[in-house]
C-alpha atoms as a PDB file:
ATOM      1  CA  UNK A   1       0.000   0.000   0.000  1.00  0.00           C
ATOM      2  CA  UNK A   2       1.387   3.410  -1.000  1.00  0.00           C
ATOM      3  CA  UNK A   3       0.319   6.108   1.454  1.00  0.00           C
ATOM      4  CA  UNK A   4       0.688   9.864   0.925  1.00  0.00           C
ATOM      5  CA  UNK A   5       0.688  11.747   4.241  1.00  0.00           C
ATOM      6  CA  UNK A   6       0.162  15.460   4.828  1.00  0.00           C
ATOM      7  CA  UNK A   7      -1.247  17.810   7.466  1.00  0.00           C
ATOM      8  CA  UNK A   8      -1.810  21.468   8.290  1.00  0.00           C
ATOM      9  CA  UNK A   9       0.303  21.727  11.458  1.00  0.00           C
ATOM     10  CA  UNK A  10       3.517  21.540   9.466  1.00  0.00           C
ATOM     11  CA  UNK A  11       6.030  18.836   8.641  1.00  0.00           C
ATOM     12  CA  UNK A  12       7.823  19.257  12.000  1.00  0.00           C
ATOM     13  CA  UNK A  13       4.699  18.606  14.108  1.00  0.00           C
ATOM     14  CA  UNK A  14       4.534  15.773  16.618  1.00  0.00           C
ATOM     15  CA  UNK A  15       1.255  14.474  15.202  1.00  0.00           C
ATOM     16  CA  UNK A  16       2.576  13.734  11.731  1.00  0.00           C
ATOM     17  CA  UNK A  17       5.628  11.906  13.081  1.00  0.00           C
ATOM     18  CA  UNK A  18       3.415   9.726  15.293  1.00  0.00           C
ATOM     19  CA  UNK A  19       1.166   8.994  12.318  1.00  0.00           C
ATOM     20  CA  UNK A  20       4.032   8.112   9.967  1.00  0.00           C
ATOM     21  CA  UNK A  21       5.577   5.749  12.516  1.00  0.00           C
ATOM     22  CA  UNK A  22       2.342   3.749  12.719  1.00  0.00           C
ATOM     23  CA  UNK A  23       1.547   3.817   8.991  1.00  0.00           C
ATOM     24  CA  UNK A  24       4.975   2.404   8.104  1.00  0.00           C
ATOM     25  CA  UNK A  25       3.742  -0.841   9.642  1.00  0.00           C
ATOM     26  CA  UNK A  26       1.157  -1.260   6.864  1.00  0.00           C
ATOM     27  CA  UNK A  27       2.739   0.297   3.778  1.00  0.00           C
ATOM     28  CA  UNK A  28       5.128   2.632   2.008  1.00  0.00           C
ATOM     29  CA  UNK A  29       4.768   6.170   3.359  1.00  0.00           C
ATOM     30  CA  UNK A  30       5.594   9.376   1.495  1.00  0.00           C
ATOM     31  CA  UNK A  31       5.274  12.647   3.417  1.00  0.00           C
ATOM     32  CA  UNK A  32       4.516  15.907   1.632  1.00  0.00           C
ATOM     33  CA  UNK A  33       3.511  18.546   4.164  1.00  0.00           C
ATOM     34  CA  UNK A  34       3.613  22.315   4.672  1.00  0.00           C
ATOM     35  CA  UNK A  35       6.937  23.732   5.795  1.00  0.00           C
ATOM     36  CA  UNK A  36       5.106  25.897   8.361  1.00  0.00           C
ATOM     37  CA  UNK A  37       1.810  25.686  10.232  1.00  0.00           C
ATOM     38  CA  UNK A  38      -1.222  26.255   7.984  1.00  0.00           C
ATOM     39  CA  UNK A  39      -4.090  25.799  10.436  1.00  0.00           C
ATOM     40  CA  UNK A  40      -7.498  27.159   9.372  1.00  0.00           C
ATOM     41  CA  UNK A  41      -6.391  28.035   5.829  1.00  0.00           C
ATOM     42  CA  UNK A  42      -9.272  25.973   4.472  1.00  0.00           C
ATOM     43  CA  UNK A  43      -8.966  24.782   0.881  1.00  0.00           C
ATOM     44  CA  UNK A  44      -6.832  27.656  -0.367  1.00  0.00           C
ATOM     45  CA  UNK A  45      -4.217  26.997  -3.030  1.00  0.00           C
ATOM     46  CA  UNK A  46      -1.198  29.051  -4.092  1.00  0.00           C
ATOM     47  CA  UNK A  47      -1.567  30.802  -7.445  1.00  0.00           C
ATOM     48  CA  UNK A  48       0.370  34.094  -7.398  1.00  0.00           C
ATOM     49  CA  UNK A  49       3.627  32.866  -5.904  1.00  0.00           C
ATOM     50  CA  UNK A  50       6.042  30.041  -6.777  1.00  0.00           C
ATOM     51  CA  UNK A  51       6.018  26.895  -4.652  1.00  0.00           C
ATOM     52  CA  UNK A  52       9.295  25.584  -3.299  1.00  0.00           C
ATOM     53  CA  UNK A  53       9.896  22.036  -2.129  1.00  0.00           C
ATOM     54  CA  UNK A  54      12.734  20.975   0.153  1.00  0.00           C
ATOM     55  CA  UNK A  55      13.736  17.591   1.490  1.00  0.00           C
ATOM     56  CA  UNK A  56      13.149  17.392   5.243  1.00  0.00           C
ATOM     57  CA  UNK A  57      15.429  15.256   7.407  1.00  0.00           C
ATOM     58  CA  UNK A  58      15.105  13.953  10.958  1.00  0.00           C
ATOM     59  CA  UNK A  59      18.296  12.655  12.597  1.00  0.00           C
ATOM     60  CA  UNK A  60      19.950  12.496   9.200  1.00  0.00           C
ATOM     61  CA  UNK A  61      17.173  10.417   7.625  1.00  0.00           C
ATOM     62  CA  UNK A  62      14.822  11.677   4.923  1.00  0.00           C
ATOM     63  CA  UNK A  63      11.405  12.138   6.532  1.00  0.00           C
ATOM     64  CA  UNK A  64       9.582  13.771   3.644  1.00  0.00           C
ATOM     65  CA  UNK A  65       9.167  16.872   1.519  1.00  0.00           C
ATOM     66  CA  UNK A  66       8.376  20.323   2.924  1.00  0.00           C
ATOM     67  CA  UNK A  67       6.285  22.609   0.697  1.00  0.00           C
ATOM     68  CA  UNK A  68       6.027  26.350   1.355  1.00  0.00           C
ATOM     69  CA  UNK A  69       2.330  26.267   0.541  1.00  0.00           C
ATOM     70  CA  UNK A  70      -1.033  25.104   1.820  1.00  0.00           C
ATOM     71  CA  UNK A  71      -2.227  21.571   2.647  1.00  0.00           C
ATOM     72  CA  UNK A  72      -4.120  21.426  -0.654  1.00  0.00           C
ATOM     73  CA  UNK A  73      -0.943  22.519  -2.461  1.00  0.00           C
ATOM     74  CA  UNK A  74       0.894  19.633  -0.798  1.00  0.00           C
ATOM     75  CA  UNK A  75      -1.538  17.033  -2.109  1.00  0.00           C
ATOM     76  CA  UNK A  76      -1.404  18.418  -5.640  1.00  0.00           C
ATOM     77  CA  UNK A  77       2.383  18.644  -5.529  1.00  0.00           C
ATOM     78  CA  UNK A  78       2.736  15.236  -3.915  1.00  0.00           C
ATOM     79  CA  UNK A  79       0.669  13.412  -6.504  1.00  0.00           C
ATOM     80  CA  UNK A  80       1.651  15.375  -9.607  1.00  0.00           C
ATOM     81  CA  UNK A  81       5.323  16.198  -9.061  1.00  0.00           C
ATOM     82  CA  UNK A  82       6.758  13.943  -6.364  1.00  0.00           C
ATOM     83  CA  UNK A  83       4.986  10.603  -6.716  1.00  0.00           C
ATOM     84  CA  UNK A  84       4.062  11.122 -10.393  1.00  0.00           C
ATOM     85  CA  UNK A  85       1.182   8.728  -9.742  1.00  0.00           C
ATOM     86  CA  UNK A  86      -1.822   8.341  -7.500  1.00  0.00           C
ATOM     87  CA  UNK A  87      -1.177   6.691  -4.140  1.00  0.00           C
ATOM     88  CA  UNK A  88      -3.528   4.053  -2.785  1.00  0.00           C
ATOM     89  CA  UNK A  89      -4.694   6.434  -0.068  1.00  0.00           C
ATOM     90  CA  UNK A  90      -4.026   9.901   1.376  1.00  0.00           C
ATOM     91  CA  UNK A  91      -4.050  10.487   5.131  1.00  0.00           C
ATOM     92  CA  UNK A  92      -3.968  13.985   6.616  1.00  0.00           C
ATOM     93  CA  UNK A  93      -2.993  14.533  10.258  1.00  0.00           C
ATOM     94  CA  UNK A  94      -2.713  13.880  13.078  1.00  0.00           C
ATOM     95  CA  UNK A  95      -4.143  17.345  13.685  1.00  0.00           C
ATOM     96  CA  UNK A  96      -3.949  19.183  16.991  1.00  0.00           C
ATOM     97  CA  UNK A  97      -7.549  20.117  17.762  1.00  0.00           C
ATOM     98  CA  UNK A  98     -10.953  18.831  16.774  1.00  0.00           C
ATOM     99  CA  UNK A  99     -12.118  19.199  13.172  1.00  0.00           C
ATOM    100  CA  UNK A 100     -15.810  18.558  13.643  1.00  0.00           C
ATOM    101  CA  UNK A 101     -19.152  20.168  12.801  1.00  0.00           C
ATOM    102  CA  UNK A 102     -18.925  23.501  10.936  1.00  0.00           C
ATOM    103  CA  UNK A 103     -15.178  23.706  11.636  1.00  0.00           C
ATOM    104  CA  UNK A 104     -14.478  21.288   8.767  1.00  0.00           C
ATOM    105  CA  UNK A 105     -15.034  24.218   6.398  1.00  0.00           C
ATOM    106  CA  UNK A 106     -11.991  26.050   7.800  1.00  0.00           C
ATOM    107  CA  UNK A 107      -9.761  23.049   8.386  1.00  0.00           C
ATOM    108  CA  UNK A 108      -6.559  22.691   6.398  1.00  0.00           C
ATOM    109  CA  UNK A 109      -6.334  19.094   7.613  1.00  0.00           C
ATOM    110  CA  UNK A 110      -9.715  18.213   6.127  1.00  0.00           C
ATOM    111  CA  UNK A 111      -8.950  20.230   2.983  1.00  0.00           C
ATOM    112  CA  UNK A 112      -5.857  18.138   2.280  1.00  0.00           C
ATOM    113  CA  UNK A 113      -8.027  15.019   2.383  1.00  0.00           C
ATOM    114  CA  UNK A 114     -10.714  16.769   0.330  1.00  0.00           C
ATOM    115  CA  UNK A 115      -8.166  17.695  -2.344  1.00  0.00           C
ATOM    116  CA  UNK A 116      -7.238  14.024  -2.588  1.00  0.00           C
ATOM    117  CA  UNK A 117     -10.918  13.148  -3.004  1.00  0.00           C
ATOM    118  CA  UNK A 118     -11.187  15.730  -5.787  1.00  0.00           C
ATOM    119  CA  UNK A 119      -8.258  13.948  -7.450  1.00  0.00           C
ATOM    120  CA  UNK A 120     -10.111  10.608  -7.122  1.00  0.00           C
ATOM    121  CA  UNK A 121      -7.869   9.253  -4.365  1.00  0.00           C
ATOM    122  CA  UNK A 122      -9.473   7.800  -1.205  1.00  0.00           C
ATOM    123  CA  UNK A 123      -8.564   9.835   1.839  1.00  0.00           C
ATOM    124  CA  UNK A 124      -8.879  10.235   5.595  1.00  0.00           C
ATOM    125  CA  UNK A 125      -8.449  13.280   7.844  1.00  0.00           C
ATOM    126  CA  UNK A 126      -7.513  12.453  11.441  1.00  0.00           C
ATOM    127  CA  UNK A 127      -7.569  14.815  14.441  1.00  0.00           C
ATOM    128  CA  UNK A 128      -7.172  14.631  18.216  1.00  0.00           C
ATOM    129  CA  UNK A 129      -9.622  16.899  20.041  1.00  0.00           C
ATOM    130  CA  UNK A 130      -7.110  19.036  21.917  1.00  0.00           C
ATOM    131  CA  UNK A 131      -4.782  21.851  20.877  1.00  0.00           C
ATOM    132  CA  UNK A 132      -2.148  20.365  23.199  1.00  0.00           C
ATOM    133  CA  UNK A 133      -2.705  16.605  22.758  1.00  0.00           C
ATOM    134  CA  UNK A 134      -1.156  14.068  25.071  1.00  0.00           C
ATOM    135  CA  UNK A 135      -2.613  10.968  23.413  1.00  0.00           C
ATOM    136  CA  UNK A 136      -1.677  10.418  19.760  1.00  0.00           C
ATOM    137  CA  UNK A 137      -1.132   6.669  19.850  1.00  0.00           C
ATOM    138  CA  UNK A 138      -4.749   5.517  19.672  1.00  0.00           C
ATOM    139  CA  UNK A 139      -5.533   7.942  16.845  1.00  0.00           C
ATOM    140  CA  UNK A 140      -2.547   6.643  14.870  1.00  0.00           C
ATOM    141  CA  UNK A 141      -3.560   3.009  15.364  1.00  0.00           C
ATOM    142  CA  UNK A 142      -7.202   3.727  14.552  1.00  0.00           C
ATOM    143  CA  UNK A 143      -6.477   5.491  11.267  1.00  0.00           C
ATOM    144  CA  UNK A 144      -3.993   2.776  10.295  1.00  0.00           C
ATOM    145  CA  UNK A 145      -6.682   0.099  10.673  1.00  0.00           C
ATOM    146  CA  UNK A 146      -9.228   2.327   8.956  1.00  0.00           C
ATOM    147  CA  UNK A 147      -6.918   2.825   5.979  1.00  0.00           C
ATOM    148  CA  UNK A 148      -6.902  -0.926   5.432  1.00  0.00           C
ATOM    149  CA  UNK A 149     -10.716  -0.997   5.598  1.00  0.00           C
ATOM    150  CA  UNK A 150     -10.983   1.877   3.117  1.00  0.00           C
ATOM    151  CA  UNK A 151      -8.686   0.192   0.606  1.00  0.00           C
ATOM    152  CA  UNK A 152     -10.638  -3.053   0.989  1.00  0.00           C
ATOM    153  CA  UNK A 153     -14.183  -1.669   0.856  1.00  0.00           C
ATOM    154  CA  UNK A 154     -13.619   1.498  -1.242  1.00  0.00           C
ATOM    155  CA  UNK A 155     -15.235   4.899  -0.840  1.00  0.00           C
ATOM    156  CA  UNK A 156     -17.724   6.527  -3.166  1.00  0.00           C
ATOM    157  CA  UNK A 157     -15.965   8.855  -5.589  1.00  0.00           C
ATOM    158  CA  UNK A 158     -15.592  12.277  -4.000  1.00  0.00           C
ATOM    159  CA  UNK A 159     -16.116  11.064  -0.431  1.00  0.00           C
ATOM    160  CA  UNK A 160     -13.534  11.272   2.341  1.00  0.00           C
ATOM    161  CA  UNK A 161     -13.594  10.194   5.976  1.00  0.00           C
ATOM    162  CA  UNK A 162     -13.210  12.778   8.725  1.00  0.00           C
ATOM    163  CA  UNK A 163     -12.027  11.143  11.955  1.00  0.00           C
ATOM    164  CA  UNK A 164     -11.848  12.778  15.377  1.00  0.00           C
ATOM    165  CA  UNK A 165     -10.539  11.163  18.555  1.00  0.00           C
ATOM    166  CA  UNK A 166     -10.879  12.442  22.140  1.00  0.00           C
ATOM    167  CA  UNK A 167      -7.607  13.328  23.846  1.00  0.00           C
ATOM    168  CA  UNK A 168      -7.908  10.626  26.498  1.00  0.00           C
ATOM    169  CA  UNK A 169      -5.995   7.387  27.158  1.00  0.00           C
ATOM    170  CA  UNK A 170      -6.900   4.471  24.892  1.00  0.00           C
ATOM    171  CA  UNK A 171      -8.472   2.491  27.732  1.00  0.00           C
ATOM    172  CA  UNK A 172     -10.927   5.341  28.308  1.00  0.00           C
ATOM    173  CA  UNK A 173     -12.152   5.476  24.691  1.00  0.00           C
ATOM    174  CA  UNK A 174     -15.745   4.155  24.760  1.00  0.00           C
ATOM    175  CA  UNK A 175     -15.713   2.985  21.143  1.00  0.00           C
ATOM    176  CA  UNK A 176     -15.943   4.125  17.536  1.00  0.00           C
ATOM    177  CA  UNK A 177     -19.112   5.691  16.146  1.00  0.00           C
ATOM    178  CA  UNK A 178     -20.176   6.339  12.560  1.00  0.00           C
ATOM    179  CA  UNK A 179     -21.436   9.919  12.753  1.00  0.00           C
ATOM    180  CA  UNK A 180     -22.914  12.810  10.813  1.00  0.00           C
ATOM    181  CA  UNK A 181     -21.357  16.257  10.585  1.00  0.00           C
ATOM    182  CA  UNK A 182     -22.786  18.430  13.338  1.00  0.00           C
ATOM    183  CA  UNK A 183     -24.181  21.962  13.136  1.00  0.00           C
ATOM    184  CA  UNK A 184     -22.266  23.232  16.162  1.00  0.00           C
ATOM    185  CA  UNK A 185     -20.204  26.304  15.320  1.00  0.00           C
ATOM    186  CA  UNK A 186     -17.755  28.760  16.820  1.00  0.00           C
ATOM    187  CA  UNK A 187     -19.365  32.006  17.992  1.00  0.00           C
ATOM    188  CA  UNK A 188     -16.758  34.586  16.987  1.00  0.00           C
ATOM    189  CA  UNK A 189     -15.666  37.486  19.130  1.00  0.00           C
ATOM    190  CA  UNK A 190     -12.910  39.885  18.080  1.00  0.00           C
ATOM    191  CA  UNK A 191     -11.279  41.165  21.248  1.00  0.00           C
ATOM    192  CA  UNK A 192      -9.962  44.713  20.927  1.00  0.00           C
ATOM    193  CA  UNK A 193      -6.451  45.224  22.281  1.00  0.00           C
ATOM    194  CA  UNK A 194      -3.634  47.763  22.149  1.00  0.00           C
ATOM    195  CA  UNK A 195      -0.094  47.040  20.993  1.00  0.00           C
ATOM    196  CA  UNK A 196       2.917  48.536  22.849  1.00  0.00           C
ATOM    197  CA  UNK A 197       2.601  51.680  20.730  1.00  0.00           C
ATOM    198  CA  UNK A 198      -1.042  52.231  21.650  1.00  0.00           C
ATOM    199  CA  UNK A 199      -2.374  51.149  18.255  1.00  0.00           C
ATOM    200  CA  UNK A 200      -5.548  49.058  18.258  1.00  0.00           C
ATOM    201  CA  UNK A 201      -5.605  45.498  16.938  1.00  0.00           C
ATOM    202  CA  UNK A 202      -8.075  42.634  17.188  1.00  0.00           C
ATOM    203  CA  UNK A 203      -7.639  39.026  18.328  1.00  0.00           C
ATOM    204  CA  UNK A 204     -10.151  36.332  17.438  1.00  0.00           C
ATOM    205  CA  UNK A 205     -11.647  34.646  20.492  1.00  0.00           C
ATOM    206  CA  UNK A 206     -15.086  33.242  21.267  1.00  0.00           C
ATOM    207  CA  UNK A 207     -16.773  30.059  22.348  1.00  0.00           C
ATOM    208  CA  UNK A 208     -18.564  27.054  20.915  1.00  0.00           C
ATOM    209  CA  UNK A 209     -22.274  27.417  20.207  1.00  0.00           C
ATOM    210  CA  UNK A 210     -23.534  23.854  20.642  1.00  0.00           C
ATOM    211  CA  UNK A 211     -26.466  23.208  18.323  1.00  0.00           C
ATOM    212  CA  UNK A 212     -26.233  19.403  18.441  1.00  0.00           C
ATOM    213  CA  UNK A 213     -27.491  16.962  21.061  1.00  0.00           C
ATOM    214  CA  UNK A 214     -27.618  13.536  19.388  1.00  0.00           C
ATOM    215  CA  UNK A 215     -24.772  11.069  19.889  1.00  0.00           C
ATOM    216  CA  UNK A 216     -24.675  10.391  16.132  1.00  0.00           C
ATOM    217  CA  UNK A 217     -23.337  13.926  15.551  1.00  0.00           C
ATOM    218  CA  UNK A 218     -19.542  14.149  15.437  1.00  0.00           C
ATOM    219  CA  UNK A 219     -18.988  16.807  18.093  1.00  0.00           C
ATOM    220  CA  UNK A 220     -21.321  15.116  20.593  1.00  0.00           C
ATOM    221  CA  UNK A 221     -19.716  11.706  20.060  1.00  0.00           C
ATOM    222  CA  UNK A 222     -16.261  13.163  20.706  1.00  0.00           C
ATOM    223  CA  UNK A 223     -17.398  14.991  23.849  1.00  0.00           C
ATOM    224  CA  UNK A 224     -18.815  11.731  25.160  1.00  0.00           C
ATOM    225  CA  UNK A 225     -15.572   9.787  24.777  1.00  0.00           C
ATOM    226  CA  UNK A 226     -16.094   8.164  21.363  1.00  0.00           C
ATOM    227  CA  UNK A 227     -13.939   8.279  18.271  1.00  0.00           C
ATOM    228  CA  UNK A 228     -16.019   9.738  15.460  1.00  0.00           C
ATOM    229  CA  UNK A 229     -15.901   8.722  11.790  1.00  0.00           C
ATOM    230  CA  UNK A 230     -17.864  10.952   9.424  1.00  0.00           C
ATOM    231  CA  UNK A 231     -18.095  10.443   5.648  1.00  0.00           C
ATOM    232  CA  UNK A 232     -18.183  13.864   3.957  1.00  0.00           C
ATOM    233  CA  UNK A 233     -18.348  14.979   0.330  1.00  0.00           C
ATOM    234  CA  UNK A 234     -17.270  18.065  -1.595  1.00  0.00           C
ATOM    235  CA  UNK A 235     -20.662  18.332  -3.338  1.00  0.00           C
ATOM    236  CA  UNK A 236     -22.222  21.297  -1.477  1.00  0.00           C
ATOM    237  CA  UNK A 237     -25.560  21.216  -3.309  1.00  0.00           C
ATOM    238  CA  UNK A 238     -28.606  21.520  -1.037  1.00  0.00           C
ATOM    239  CA  UNK A 239     -30.779  18.934  -2.787  1.00  0.00           C
ATOM    240  CA  UNK A 240     -33.866  19.554  -0.657  1.00  0.00           C
ATOM    241  CA  UNK A 241     -33.720  23.268  -1.489  1.00  0.00           C
ATOM    242  CA  UNK A 242     -33.046  22.439  -5.129  1.00  0.00           C
ATOM    243  CA  UNK A 243     -36.368  20.568  -5.305  1.00  0.00           C
ATOM    244  CA  UNK A 244     -38.256  23.426  -3.619  1.00  0.00           C
ATOM    245  CA  UNK A 245     -36.729  25.979  -5.965  1.00  0.00           C
ATOM    246  CA  UNK A 246     -38.142  24.180  -8.986  1.00  0.00           C
ATOM    247  CA  UNK A 247     -41.426  25.906  -8.116  1.00  0.00           C
ATOM    248  CA  UNK A 248     -39.926  29.393  -8.036  1.00  0.00           C
ATOM    249  CA  UNK A 249     -40.871  31.862 -10.761  1.00  0.00           C
ATOM    250  CA  UNK A 250     -37.492  32.225 -12.430  1.00  0.00           C
ATOM    251  CA  UNK A 251     -39.151  33.784 -15.497  1.00  0.00           C
ATOM    252  CA  UNK A 252     -39.576  36.923 -13.378  1.00  0.00           C
ATOM    253  CA  UNK A 253     -35.785  37.330 -13.358  1.00  0.00           C
ATOM    254  CA  UNK A 254     -35.589  37.804 -17.098  1.00  0.00           C
ATOM    255  CA  UNK A 255     -35.264  41.266 -18.577  1.00  0.00           C
ATOM    256  CA  UNK A 256     -38.605  42.663 -19.682  1.00  0.00           C
END
């Protein structure tokens, strides 16, 4: 199995090294990741500036390739210019912090996996629900086993799996749940501050606005000690609204 690995926390992050160590037990691993942290960049790609790729070494051994671009850039570059072929699967992570509910829209981790899905490669995004995780091992083992299942059972074209794991010891994980993307979102607040020169600036803060209650929603499953696996798709069409709009008077929009 040929596995392309990326993330949004950067090639030097602890999470990606933990992930690579586990994935090497099941296949050939190629790392193509951002040279610096790219959290919350979403699915942006680099168009106006050149991309540079450098070999990245750990203790004198080649670990992977560092790209001075976004997670989506890394997947494109990895498949088109480094591998020169499609891998069997792409895995993005292990991310520091949950990527659940509405947050998947902003996530560079999920966007790397989504870019792979756009390129018709099965993919998984994996996150630990803490910005300072202490428990990567279970997440690494879980996604390794899941990768084997994905390659065996296949995913529908355009679908990726978004996996989130609570930051608790493995023996405290209650199980694995197949979930739906929640509607919980971050309620933004821009805190006004002054720099040392007395000039105003703003810092994004806020809190979670929980709009989910059912255990089959990703964010609720995670908060209750379960690992969450959510199949998501890049088709953003609202099909229910599409059907309702068939009855709208679109003729009224034409010029008279």
